[in-house]
Amino acid sequence: MLGTLETHLDLGCDVQRTAASLHLHRTTVYYRLGRIAGVLGADLRDGLTRSHLHLALKARRISRQLIGHRISLSVETSGFSPGEETRHSAAYRTHARCLADRAVPCDAWRRS
């Protein structure tokens, strides 16, 4: 649903273009947008709400890209043996998911 919303906002809230981009029927896009609005409790017709959502989605995407970049750098420069690298990179990925999903640090990386 986040992909649908981000694509819709990227394309200027044009349902036809959103449907074509996602290879969906336009009624499916309307259905998904209705569900998204219901879950968020937001009016997607409001310009300010759309701006805030678009900014939040872009920040989420950038955050995930930066976390992924840090993970790959830390594994490449860690000097761990192959077995250790796998164990540690798995812990970093778990930690990255916690940060990206909840924006709250977790203790997953400490357990490895």
PDB file of N, CA and C in Angstrom:
ATOM      1  N   MET A   1       0.815  -1.194   0.000  1.00  0.00           N
ATOM      2  CA  MET A   1       0.000   0.000   0.000  1.00  0.00           C
ATOM      3  C   MET A   1       0.861   1.261   0.000  1.00  0.00           C
ATOM      4  N   LEU A   2       2.023   1.189   0.657  1.00  0.00           N
ATOM      5  CA  LEU A   2       2.893   2.358   0.657  1.00  0.00           C
ATOM      6  C   LEU A   2       3.420   2.648  -0.750  1.00  0.00           C
ATOM      7  N   GLY A   3       3.702   1.600  -1.494  1.00  0.00           N
ATOM      8  CA  GLY A   3       4.163   1.778  -2.867  1.00  0.00           C
ATOM      9  C   GLY A   3       3.117   2.430  -3.735  1.00  0.00           C
ATOM     10  N   THR A   4       1.878   2.024  -3.542  1.00  0.00           N
ATOM     11  CA  THR A   4       0.773   2.630  -4.287  1.00  0.00           C
ATOM     12  C   THR A   4       0.658   4.112  -3.949  1.00  0.00           C
ATOM     13  N   LEU A   5       0.704   4.431  -2.670  1.00  0.00           N
ATOM     14  CA  LEU A   5       0.573   5.823  -2.248  1.00  0.00           C
ATOM     15  C   LEU A   5       1.742   6.657  -2.759  1.00  0.00           C
ATOM     16  N   GLU A   6       2.958   6.139  -2.642  1.00  0.00           N
ATOM     17  CA  GLU A   6       4.123   6.905  -3.096  1.00  0.00           C
ATOM     18  C   GLU A   6       4.071   7.132  -4.607  1.00  0.00           C
ATOM     19  N   THR A   7       3.728   6.115  -5.357  1.00  0.00           N
ATOM     20  CA  THR A   7       3.613   6.261  -6.806  1.00  0.00           C
ATOM     21  C   THR A   7       2.535   7.280  -7.158  1.00  0.00           C
ATOM     22  N   HIS A   8       1.403   7.189  -6.480  1.00  0.00           N
ATOM     23  CA  HIS A   8       0.288   8.110  -6.716  1.00  0.00           C
ATOM     24  C   HIS A   8       0.714   9.559  -6.458  1.00  0.00           C
ATOM     25  N   LEU A   9       1.413   9.777  -5.363  1.00  0.00           N
ATOM     26  CA  LEU A   9       1.866  11.127  -5.031  1.00  0.00           C
ATOM     27  C   LEU A   9       2.961  11.590  -5.992  1.00  0.00           C
ATOM     28  N   ASP A  10       3.854  10.678  -6.380  1.00  0.00           N
ATOM     29  CA  ASP A  10       4.911  11.024  -7.345  1.00  0.00           C
ATOM     30  C   ASP A  10       4.331  11.469  -8.682  1.00  0.00           C
ATOM     31  N   LEU A  11       3.213  10.890  -9.052  1.00  0.00           N
ATOM     32  CA  LEU A  11       2.599  11.185 -10.354  1.00  0.00           C
ATOM     33  C   LEU A  11       1.528  12.270 -10.264  1.00  0.00           C
ATOM     34  N   GLY A  12       1.602  13.091  -9.235  1.00  0.00           N
ATOM     35  CA  GLY A  12       0.691  14.224  -9.117  1.00  0.00           C
ATOM     36  C   GLY A  12      -0.748  13.837  -8.844  1.00  0.00           C
ATOM     37  N   CYS A  13      -0.941  12.698  -8.196  1.00  0.00           N
ATOM     38  CA  CYS A  13      -2.269  12.191  -7.821  1.00  0.00           C
ATOM     39  C   CYS A  13      -3.148  11.916  -9.039  1.00  0.00           C
ATOM     40  N   ASP A  14      -2.531  11.552 -10.130  1.00  0.00           N
ATOM     41  CA  ASP A  14      -3.249  11.188 -11.349  1.00  0.00           C
ATOM     42  C   ASP A  14      -3.519   9.680 -11.323  1.00  0.00           C
ATOM     43  N   VAL A  15      -4.769   9.313 -11.111  1.00  0.00           N
ATOM     44  CA  VAL A  15      -5.134   7.897 -10.956  1.00  0.00           C
ATOM     45  C   VAL A  15      -4.836   7.101 -12.223  1.00  0.00           C
ATOM     46  N   GLN A  16      -5.110   7.686 -13.401  1.00  0.00           N
ATOM     47  CA  GLN A  16      -4.840   6.993 -14.668  1.00  0.00           C
ATOM     48  C   GLN A  16      -3.366   6.639 -14.779  1.00  0.00           C
ATOM     49  N   ARG A  17      -2.488   7.620 -14.527  1.00  0.00           N
ATOM     50  CA  ARG A  17      -1.048   7.384 -14.635  1.00  0.00           C
ATOM     51  C   ARG A  17      -0.567   6.429 -13.551  1.00  0.00           C
ATOM     52  N   THR A  18      -1.132   6.528 -12.352  1.00  0.00           N
ATOM     53  CA  THR A  18      -0.767   5.615 -11.270  1.00  0.00           C
ATOM     54  C   THR A  18      -1.118   4.186 -11.654  1.00  0.00           C
ATOM     55  N   ALA A  19      -2.311   4.006 -12.175  1.00  0.00           N
ATOM     56  CA  ALA A  19      -2.757   2.672 -12.590  1.00  0.00           C
ATOM     57  C   ALA A  19      -1.847   2.118 -13.685  1.00  0.00           C
ATOM     58  N   ALA A  20      -1.514   2.945 -14.654  1.00  0.00           N
ATOM     59  CA  ALA A  20      -0.640   2.497 -15.747  1.00  0.00           C
ATOM     60  C   ALA A  20       0.749   2.155 -15.232  1.00  0.00           C
ATOM     61  N   SER A  21       1.260   2.969 -14.331  1.00  0.00           N
ATOM     62  CA  SER A  21       2.595   2.744 -13.781  1.00  0.00           C
ATOM     63  C   SER A  21       2.679   1.454 -12.974  1.00  0.00           C
ATOM     64  N   LEU A  22       1.621   1.158 -12.229  1.00  0.00           N
ATOM     65  CA  LEU A  22       1.596  -0.036 -11.379  1.00  0.00           C
ATOM     66  C   LEU A  22       0.987  -1.250 -12.078  1.00  0.00           C
ATOM     67  N   HIS A  23       0.574  -1.063 -13.331  1.00  0.00           N
ATOM     68  CA  HIS A  23      -0.073  -2.142 -14.100  1.00  0.00           C
ATOM     69  C   HIS A  23      -1.317  -2.667 -13.382  1.00  0.00           C
ATOM     70  N   LEU A  24      -2.139  -1.718 -12.956  1.00  0.00           N
ATOM     71  CA  LEU A  24      -3.390  -2.026 -12.263  1.00  0.00           C
ATOM     72  C   LEU A  24      -4.546  -1.365 -13.006  1.00  0.00           C
ATOM     73  N   HIS A  25      -5.749  -1.810 -12.680  1.00  0.00           N
ATOM     74  CA  HIS A  25      -6.940  -1.128 -13.168  1.00  0.00           C
ATOM     75  C   HIS A  25      -7.177   0.080 -12.271  1.00  0.00           C
ATOM     76  N   ARG A  26      -7.715   1.147 -12.838  1.00  0.00           N
ATOM     77  CA  ARG A  26      -7.896   2.362 -12.042  1.00  0.00           C
ATOM     78  C   ARG A  26      -8.824   2.156 -10.852  1.00  0.00           C
ATOM     79  N   THR A  27      -9.802   1.264 -10.956  1.00  0.00           N
ATOM     80  CA  THR A  27     -10.678   1.014  -9.799  1.00  0.00           C
ATOM     81  C   THR A  27      -9.890   0.371  -8.660  1.00  0.00           C
ATOM     82  N   THR A  28      -8.882  -0.411  -9.000  1.00  0.00           N
ATOM     83  CA  THR A  28      -8.020  -0.999  -7.967  1.00  0.00           C
ATOM     84  C   THR A  28      -7.246   0.101  -7.253  1.00  0.00           C
ATOM     85  N   VAL A  29      -6.777   1.082  -8.017  1.00  0.00           N
ATOM     86  CA  VAL A  29      -6.056   2.209  -7.410  1.00  0.00           C
ATOM     87  C   VAL A  29      -6.991   2.978  -6.488  1.00  0.00           C
ATOM     88  N   TYR A  30      -8.211   3.259  -6.953  1.00  0.00           N
ATOM     89  CA  TYR A  30      -9.184   3.944  -6.091  1.00  0.00           C
ATOM     90  C   TYR A  30      -9.455   3.144  -4.820  1.00  0.00           C
ATOM     91  N   TYR A  31      -9.586   1.828  -4.952  1.00  0.00           N
ATOM     92  CA  TYR A  31      -9.839   0.973  -3.791  1.00  0.00           C
ATOM     93  C   TYR A  31      -8.671   1.071  -2.804  1.00  0.00           C
ATOM     94  N   ARG A  32      -7.449   0.949  -3.334  1.00  0.00           N
ATOM     95  CA  ARG A  32      -6.269   1.009  -2.458  1.00  0.00           C
ATOM     96  C   ARG A  32      -6.156   2.369  -1.774  1.00  0.00           C
ATOM     97  N   LEU A  33      -6.395   3.434  -2.507  1.00  0.00           N
ATOM     98  CA  LEU A  33      -6.325   4.770  -1.912  1.00  0.00           C
ATOM     99  C   LEU A  33      -7.382   4.949  -0.826  1.00  0.00           C
ATOM    100  N   GLY A  34      -8.558   4.384  -1.045  1.00  0.00           N
ATOM    101  CA  GLY A  34      -9.601   4.422  -0.015  1.00  0.00           C
ATOM    102  C   GLY A  34      -9.181   3.673   1.240  1.00  0.00           C
ATOM    103  N   ARG A  35      -8.569   2.511   1.052  1.00  0.00           N
ATOM    104  CA  ARG A  35      -8.078   1.739   2.204  1.00  0.00           C
ATOM    105  C   ARG A  35      -6.968   2.484   2.932  1.00  0.00           C
ATOM    106  N   ILE A  36      -6.060   3.077   2.171  1.00  0.00           N
ATOM    107  CA  ILE A  36      -4.961   3.838   2.768  1.00  0.00           C
ATOM    108  C   ILE A  36      -5.514   5.002   3.583  1.00  0.00           C
ATOM    109  N   ALA A  37      -6.462   5.732   3.012  1.00  0.00           N
ATOM    110  CA  ALA A  37      -7.074   6.859   3.727  1.00  0.00           C
ATOM    111  C   ALA A  37      -7.758   6.385   4.998  1.00  0.00           C
ATOM    112  N   GLY A  38      -8.407   5.225   4.929  1.00  0.00           N
ATOM    113  CA  GLY A  38      -9.072   4.682   6.106  1.00  0.00           C
ATOM    114  C   GLY A  38      -8.098   4.281   7.196  1.00  0.00           C
ATOM    115  N   VAL A  39      -7.025   3.623   6.803  1.00  0.00           N
ATOM    116  CA  VAL A  39      -6.019   3.186   7.781  1.00  0.00           C
ATOM    117  C   VAL A  39      -5.343   4.389   8.421  1.00  0.00           C
ATOM    118  N   LEU A  40      -5.006   5.383   7.604  1.00  0.00           N
ATOM    119  CA  LEU A  40      -4.330   6.568   8.128  1.00  0.00           C
ATOM    120  C   LEU A  40      -5.281   7.526   8.829  1.00  0.00           C
ATOM    121  N   GLY A  41      -6.552   7.424   8.515  1.00  0.00           N
ATOM    122  CA  GLY A  41      -7.514   8.382   9.052  1.00  0.00           C
ATOM    123  C   GLY A  41      -7.252   9.771   8.490  1.00  0.00           C
ATOM    124  N   ALA A  42      -6.819   9.796   7.219  1.00  0.00           N
ATOM    125  CA  ALA A  42      -6.436  11.060   6.590  1.00  0.00           C
ATOM    126  C   ALA A  42      -7.281  11.305   5.351  1.00  0.00           C
ATOM    127  N   ASP A  43      -7.458  12.578   5.037  1.00  0.00           N
ATOM    128  CA  ASP A  43      -8.168  12.973   3.824  1.00  0.00           C
ATOM    129  C   ASP A  43      -7.132  13.201   2.730  1.00  0.00           C
ATOM    130  N   LEU A  44      -7.053  12.288   1.767  1.00  0.00           N
ATOM    131  CA  LEU A  44      -6.059  12.388   0.704  1.00  0.00           C
ATOM    132  C   LEU A  44      -6.395  13.484  -0.307  1.00  0.00           C
ATOM    133  N   ARG A  45      -7.554  14.105  -0.153  1.00  0.00           N
ATOM    134  CA  ARG A  45      -7.903  15.227  -1.028  1.00  0.00           C
ATOM    135  C   ARG A  45      -7.287  16.530  -0.533  1.00  0.00           C
ATOM    136  N   ASP A  46      -6.837  16.537   0.724  1.00  0.00           N
ATOM    137  CA  ASP A  46      -6.236  17.727   1.322  1.00  0.00           C
ATOM    138  C   ASP A  46      -4.779  17.851   0.879  1.00  0.00           C
ATOM    139  N   GLY A  47      -4.432  18.995   0.298  1.00  0.00           N
ATOM    140  CA  GLY A  47      -3.089  19.217  -0.229  1.00  0.00           C
ATOM    141  C   GLY A  47      -2.000  19.138   0.823  1.00  0.00           C
ATOM    142  N   LEU A  48      -2.245  19.686   2.002  1.00  0.00           N
ATOM    143  CA  LEU A  48      -1.255  19.661   3.075  1.00  0.00           C
ATOM    144  C   LEU A  48      -1.016  18.234   3.556  1.00  0.00           C
ATOM    145  N   THR A  49      -2.077  17.472   3.673  1.00  0.00           N
ATOM    146  CA  THR A  49      -1.956  16.068   4.070  1.00  0.00           C
ATOM    147  C   THR A  49      -1.132  15.302   3.040  1.00  0.00           C
ATOM    148  N   ARG A  50      -1.414  15.523   1.768  1.00  0.00           N
ATOM    149  CA  ARG A  50      -0.650  14.852   0.702  1.00  0.00           C
ATOM    150  C   ARG A  50       0.818  15.246   0.759  1.00  0.00           C
ATOM    151  N   SER A  51       1.095  16.521   1.020  1.00  0.00           N
ATOM    152  CA  SER A  51       2.482  16.990   1.119  1.00  0.00           C
ATOM    153  C   SER A  51       3.212  16.299   2.260  1.00  0.00           C
ATOM    154  N   HIS A  52       2.556  16.232   3.401  1.00  0.00           N
ATOM    155  CA  HIS A  52       3.180  15.584   4.563  1.00  0.00           C
ATOM    156  C   HIS A  52       3.431  14.100   4.301  1.00  0.00           C
ATOM    157  N   LEU A  53       2.459  13.442   3.703  1.00  0.00           N
ATOM    158  CA  LEU A  53       2.627  12.018   3.406  1.00  0.00           C
ATOM    159  C   LEU A  53       3.744  11.794   2.394  1.00  0.00           C
ATOM    160  N   HIS A  54       3.794  12.626   1.374  1.00  0.00           N
ATOM    161  CA  HIS A  54       4.827  12.495   0.351  1.00  0.00           C
ATOM    162  C   HIS A  54       6.213  12.700   0.965  1.00  0.00           C
ATOM    163  N   LEU A  55       6.351  13.708   1.803  1.00  0.00           N
ATOM    164  CA  LEU A  55       7.614  13.973   2.481  1.00  0.00           C
ATOM    165  C   LEU A  55       8.002  12.808   3.392  1.00  0.00           C
ATOM    166  N   ALA A  56       7.040  12.268   4.124  1.00  0.00           N
ATOM    167  CA  ALA A  56       7.312  11.139   5.016  1.00  0.00           C
ATOM    168  C   ALA A  56       7.755   9.902   4.232  1.00  0.00           C
ATOM    169  N   LEU A  57       7.112   9.641   3.107  1.00  0.00           N
ATOM    170  CA  LEU A  57       7.488   8.489   2.292  1.00  0.00           C
ATOM    171  C   LEU A  57       8.881   8.657   1.702  1.00  0.00           C
ATOM    172  N   LYS A  58       9.215   9.852   1.275  1.00  0.00           N
ATOM    173  CA  LYS A  58      10.553  10.099   0.725  1.00  0.00           C
ATOM    174  C   LYS A  58      11.607   9.986   1.821  1.00  0.00           C
ATOM    175  N   ALA A  59      11.310  10.492   3.009  1.00  0.00           N
ATOM    176  CA  ALA A  59      12.243  10.376   4.134  1.00  0.00           C
ATOM    177  C   ALA A  59      12.457   8.909   4.499  1.00  0.00           C
ATOM    178  N   ARG A  60      11.400   8.131   4.462  1.00  0.00           N
ATOM    179  CA  ARG A  60      11.491   6.690   4.751  1.00  0.00           C
ATOM    180  C   ARG A  60      12.383   6.007   3.724  1.00  0.00           C
ATOM    181  N   ARG A  61      12.198   6.336   2.460  1.00  0.00           N
ATOM    182  CA  ARG A  61      13.004   5.726   1.391  1.00  0.00           C
ATOM    183  C   ARG A  61      14.481   6.092   1.561  1.00  0.00           C
ATOM    184  N   ILE A  62      14.759   7.361   1.816  1.00  0.00           N
ATOM    185  CA  ILE A  62      16.143   7.810   1.993  1.00  0.00           C
ATOM    186  C   ILE A  62      16.762   7.150   3.211  1.00  0.00           C
ATOM    187  N   SER A  63      16.006   7.073   4.289  1.00  0.00           N
ATOM    188  CA  SER A  63      16.499   6.436   5.509  1.00  0.00           C
ATOM    189  C   SER A  63      16.874   4.982   5.257  1.00  0.00           C
ATOM    190  N   ARG A  64      16.028   4.256   4.549  1.00  0.00           N
ATOM    191  CA  ARG A  64      16.323   2.852   4.243  1.00  0.00           C
ATOM    192  C   ARG A  64      17.545   2.729   3.344  1.00  0.00           C
ATOM    193  N   GLN A  65      17.707   3.641   2.399  1.00  0.00           N
ATOM    194  CA  GLN A  65      18.871   3.597   1.521  1.00  0.00           C
ATOM    195  C   GLN A  65      20.145   3.871   2.308  1.00  0.00           C
ATOM    196  N   LEU A  66      20.099   4.844   3.218  1.00  0.00           N
ATOM    197  CA  LEU A  66      21.276   5.158   4.022  1.00  0.00           C
ATOM    198  C   LEU A  66      21.635   4.009   4.950  1.00  0.00           C
ATOM    199  N   ILE A  67      20.641   3.398   5.547  1.00  0.00           N
ATOM    200  CA  ILE A  67      20.895   2.265   6.443  1.00  0.00           C
ATOM    201  C   ILE A  67      21.493   1.120   5.651  1.00  0.00           C
ATOM    202  N   GLY A  68      20.953   0.839   4.478  1.00  0.00           N
ATOM    203  CA  GLY A  68      21.500  -0.221   3.630  1.00  0.00           C
ATOM    204  C   GLY A  68      22.924   0.077   3.221  1.00  0.00           C
ATOM    205  N   HIS A  69      23.223   1.336   2.943  1.00  0.00           N
ATOM    206  CA  HIS A  69      24.570   1.740   2.558  1.00  0.00           C
ATOM    207  C   HIS A  69      25.527   1.534   3.732  1.00  0.00           C
ATOM    208  N   ARG A  70      25.105   1.915   4.941  1.00  0.00           N
ATOM    209  CA  ARG A  70      25.947   1.726   6.125  1.00  0.00           C
ATOM    210  C   ARG A  70      26.192   0.251   6.387  1.00  0.00           C
ATOM    211  N   ILE A  71      25.179  -0.576   6.168  1.00  0.00           N
ATOM    212  CA  ILE A  71      25.338  -2.020   6.390  1.00  0.00           C
ATOM    213  C   ILE A  71      26.379  -2.573   5.432  1.00  0.00           C
ATOM    214  N   SER A  72      26.273  -2.234   4.155  1.00  0.00           N
ATOM    215  CA  SER A  72      27.221  -2.775   3.190  1.00  0.00           C
ATOM    216  C   SER A  72      28.630  -2.268   3.473  1.00  0.00           C
ATOM    217  N   LEU A  73      28.780  -1.010   3.860  1.00  0.00           N
ATOM    218  CA  LEU A  73      30.100  -0.488   4.190  1.00  0.00           C
ATOM    219  C   LEU A  73      30.678  -1.171   5.418  1.00  0.00           C
ATOM    220  N   SER A  74      29.856  -1.373   6.442  1.00  0.00           N
ATOM    221  CA  SER A  74      30.371  -1.978   7.666  1.00  0.00           C
ATOM    222  C   SER A  74      30.797  -3.419   7.428  1.00  0.00           C
ATOM    223  N   VAL A  75      30.095  -4.149   6.589  1.00  0.00           N
ATOM    224  CA  VAL A  75      30.463  -5.529   6.298  1.00  0.00           C
ATOM    225  C   VAL A  75      31.717  -5.566   5.433  1.00  0.00           C
ATOM    226  N   GLU A  76      31.812  -4.677   4.442  1.00  0.00           N
ATOM    227  CA  GLU A  76      32.971  -4.673   3.556  1.00  0.00           C
ATOM    228  C   GLU A  76      34.248  -4.304   4.292  1.00  0.00           C
ATOM    229  N   THR A  77      34.180  -3.409   5.250  1.00  0.00           N
ATOM    230  CA  THR A  77      35.372  -2.917   5.927  1.00  0.00           C
ATOM    231  C   THR A  77      35.580  -3.545   7.296  1.00  0.00           C
ATOM    232  N   SER A  78      34.778  -4.550   7.637  1.00  0.00           N
ATOM    233  CA  SER A  78      34.830  -5.090   8.993  1.00  0.00           C
ATOM    234  C   SER A  78      36.033  -5.968   9.251  1.00  0.00           C
ATOM    235  N   GLY A  79      36.510  -6.682   8.244  1.00  0.00           N
ATOM    236  CA  GLY A  79      37.622  -7.593   8.448  1.00  0.00           C
ATOM    237  C   GLY A  79      37.209  -8.903   9.082  1.00  0.00           C
ATOM    238  N   PHE A  80      35.903  -9.194   9.179  1.00  0.00           N
ATOM    239  CA  PHE A  80      35.431 -10.453   9.736  1.00  0.00           C
ATOM    240  C   PHE A  80      35.704 -11.589   8.781  1.00  0.00           C
ATOM    241  N   SER A  81      35.843 -12.792   9.330  1.00  0.00           N
ATOM    242  CA  SER A  81      35.913 -13.977   8.480  1.00  0.00           C
ATOM    243  C   SER A  81      34.529 -14.205   7.885  1.00  0.00           C
ATOM    244  N   PRO A  82      34.396 -15.021   6.804  1.00  0.00           N
ATOM    245  CA  PRO A  82      33.093 -15.190   6.137  1.00  0.00           C
ATOM    246  C   PRO A  82      31.957 -15.597   7.066  1.00  0.00           C
ATOM    247  N   GLY A  83      32.185 -16.505   7.996  1.00  0.00           N
ATOM    248  CA  GLY A  83      31.126 -16.925   8.912  1.00  0.00           C
ATOM    249  C   GLY A  83      30.698 -15.807   9.836  1.00  0.00           C
ATOM    250  N   GLU A  84      31.674 -15.080  10.346  1.00  0.00           N
ATOM    251  CA  GLU A  84      31.366 -13.957  11.230  1.00  0.00           C
ATOM    252  C   GLU A  84      30.648 -12.843  10.468  1.00  0.00           C
ATOM    253  N   GLU A  85      31.082 -12.608   9.244  1.00  0.00           N
ATOM    254  CA  GLU A  85      30.470 -11.555   8.437  1.00  0.00           C
ATOM    255  C   GLU A  85      28.979 -11.805   8.264  1.00  0.00           C
ATOM    256  N   THR A  86      28.616 -13.049   7.977  1.00  0.00           N
ATOM    257  CA  THR A  86      27.206 -13.392   7.790  1.00  0.00           C
ATOM    258  C   THR A  86      26.424 -13.165   9.066  1.00  0.00           C
ATOM    259  N   ARG A  87      26.977 -13.613  10.182  1.00  0.00           N
ATOM    260  CA  ARG A  87      26.295 -13.458  11.461  1.00  0.00           C
ATOM    261  C   ARG A  87      26.125 -11.979  11.796  1.00  0.00           C
ATOM    262  N   HIS A  88      27.161 -11.186  11.623  1.00  0.00           N
ATOM    263  CA  HIS A  88      27.085  -9.773  11.969  1.00  0.00           C
ATOM    264  C   HIS A  88      26.210  -8.996  10.993  1.00  0.00           C
ATOM    265  N   SER A  89      26.305  -9.300   9.706  1.00  0.00           N
ATOM    266  CA  SER A  89      25.476  -8.562   8.749  1.00  0.00           C
ATOM    267  C   SER A  89      23.998  -8.869   8.964  1.00  0.00           C
ATOM    268  N   ALA A  90      23.688 -10.094   9.385  1.00  0.00           N
ATOM    269  CA  ALA A  90      22.292 -10.428   9.689  1.00  0.00           C
ATOM    270  C   ALA A  90      21.802  -9.593  10.869  1.00  0.00           C
ATOM    271  N   ALA A  91      22.655  -9.416  11.863  1.00  0.00           N
ATOM    272  CA  ALA A  91      22.271  -8.594  13.021  1.00  0.00           C
ATOM    273  C   ALA A  91      22.078  -7.143  12.606  1.00  0.00           C
ATOM    274  N   TYR A  92      22.958  -6.631  11.752  1.00  0.00           N
ATOM    275  CA  TYR A  92      22.802  -5.262  11.276  1.00  0.00           C
ATOM    276  C   TYR A  92      21.522  -5.091  10.469  1.00  0.00           C
ATOM    277  N   ARG A  93      21.195  -6.082   9.640  1.00  0.00           N
ATOM    278  CA  ARG A  93      19.953  -5.998   8.851  1.00  0.00           C
ATOM    279  C   ARG A  93      18.749  -5.983   9.776  1.00  0.00           C
ATOM    280  N   THR A  94      18.772  -6.813  10.824  1.00  0.00           N
ATOM    281  CA  THR A  94      17.670  -6.826  11.784  1.00  0.00           C
ATOM    282  C   THR A  94      17.552  -5.462  12.453  1.00  0.00           C
ATOM    283  N   HIS A  95      18.689  -4.913  12.866  1.00  0.00           N
ATOM    284  CA  HIS A  95      18.691  -3.598  13.502  1.00  0.00           C
ATOM    285  C   HIS A  95      18.170  -2.535  12.540  1.00  0.00           C
ATOM    286  N   ALA A  96      18.571  -2.607  11.267  1.00  0.00           N
ATOM    287  CA  ALA A  96      18.115  -1.639  10.265  1.00  0.00           C
ATOM    288  C   ALA A  96      16.608  -1.729  10.083  1.00  0.00           C
ATOM    289  N   ARG A  97      16.071  -2.949  10.088  1.00  0.00           N
ATOM    290  CA  ARG A  97      14.615  -3.094   9.957  1.00  0.00           C
ATOM    291  C   ARG A  97      13.914  -2.452  11.141  1.00  0.00           C
ATOM    292  N   CYS A  98      14.459  -2.643  12.340  1.00  0.00           N
ATOM    293  CA  CYS A  98      13.845  -2.030  13.526  1.00  0.00           C
ATOM    294  C   CYS A  98      13.848  -0.513  13.397  1.00  0.00           C
ATOM    295  N   LEU A  99      14.978   0.047  12.971  1.00  0.00           N
ATOM    296  CA  LEU A  99      15.062   1.499  12.825  1.00  0.00           C
ATOM    297  C   LEU A  99      14.104   2.010  11.758  1.00  0.00           C
ATOM    298  N   ALA A 100      14.068   1.314  10.628  1.00  0.00           N
ATOM    299  CA  ALA A 100      13.232   1.781   9.521  1.00  0.00           C
ATOM    300  C   ALA A 100      11.753   1.609   9.821  1.00  0.00           C
ATOM    301  N   ASP A 101      11.391   0.506  10.477  1.00  0.00           N
ATOM    302  CA  ASP A 101       9.980   0.235  10.713  1.00  0.00           C
ATOM    303  C   ASP A 101       9.423   1.027  11.884  1.00  0.00           C
ATOM    304  N   ARG A 102      10.222   1.196  12.932  1.00  0.00           N
ATOM    305  CA  ARG A 102       9.686   1.833  14.131  1.00  0.00           C
ATOM    306  C   ARG A 102      10.370   3.141  14.474  1.00  0.00           C
ATOM    307  N   ALA A 103      11.453   3.435  13.773  1.00  0.00           N
ATOM    308  CA  ALA A 103      12.248   4.633  14.068  1.00  0.00           C
ATOM    309  C   ALA A 103      12.691   4.646  15.520  1.00  0.00           C
ATOM    310  N   VAL A 104      12.857   3.447  16.084  1.00  0.00           N
ATOM    311  CA  VAL A 104      13.315   3.309  17.465  1.00  0.00           C
ATOM    312  C   VAL A 104      14.424   2.271  17.464  1.00  0.00           C
ATOM    313  N   PRO A 105      15.589   2.554  18.052  1.00  0.00           N
ATOM    314  CA  PRO A 105      16.662   1.574  18.098  1.00  0.00           C
ATOM    315  C   PRO A 105      16.228   0.317  18.836  1.00  0.00           C
ATOM    316  N   CYS A 106      16.738  -0.798  18.410  1.00  0.00           N
ATOM    317  CA  CYS A 106      16.416  -2.048  19.079  1.00  0.00           C
ATOM    318  C   CYS A 106      17.700  -2.677  19.606  1.00  0.00           C
ATOM    319  N   ASP A 107      17.586  -3.780  20.312  1.00  0.00           N
ATOM    320  CA  ASP A 107      18.738  -4.450  20.874  1.00  0.00           C
ATOM    321  C   ASP A 107      19.201  -5.638  20.032  1.00  0.00           C
ATOM    322  N   ALA A 108      18.692  -5.788  18.801  1.00  0.00           N
ATOM    323  CA  ALA A 108      19.037  -6.941  17.978  1.00  0.00           C
ATOM    324  C   ALA A 108      20.530  -7.019  17.703  1.00  0.00           C
ATOM    325  N   TRP A 109      21.166  -5.880  17.440  1.00  0.00           N
ATOM    326  CA  TRP A 109      22.580  -5.890  17.103  1.00  0.00           C
ATOM    327  C   TRP A 109      23.443  -6.244  18.299  1.00  0.00           C
ATOM    328  N   ARG A 110      22.960  -6.009  19.511  1.00  0.00           N
ATOM    329  CA  ARG A 110      23.727  -6.348  20.707  1.00  0.00           C
ATOM    330  C   ARG A 110      23.720  -7.838  20.987  1.00  0.00           C
ATOM    331  N   ARG A 111      22.681  -8.544  20.496  1.00  0.00           N
ATOM    332  CA  ARG A 111      22.550  -9.966  20.773  1.00  0.00           C
ATOM    333  C   ARG A 111      23.499 -10.809  19.941  1.00  0.00           C
ATOM    334  N   SER A 112      24.071 -10.265  18.880  1.00  0.00           N
ATOM    335  CA  SER A 112      24.919 -11.088  18.009  1.00  0.00           C
ATOM    336  C   SER A 112      26.333 -11.204  18.552  1.00  0.00           C
TER     337      SER A 112
END
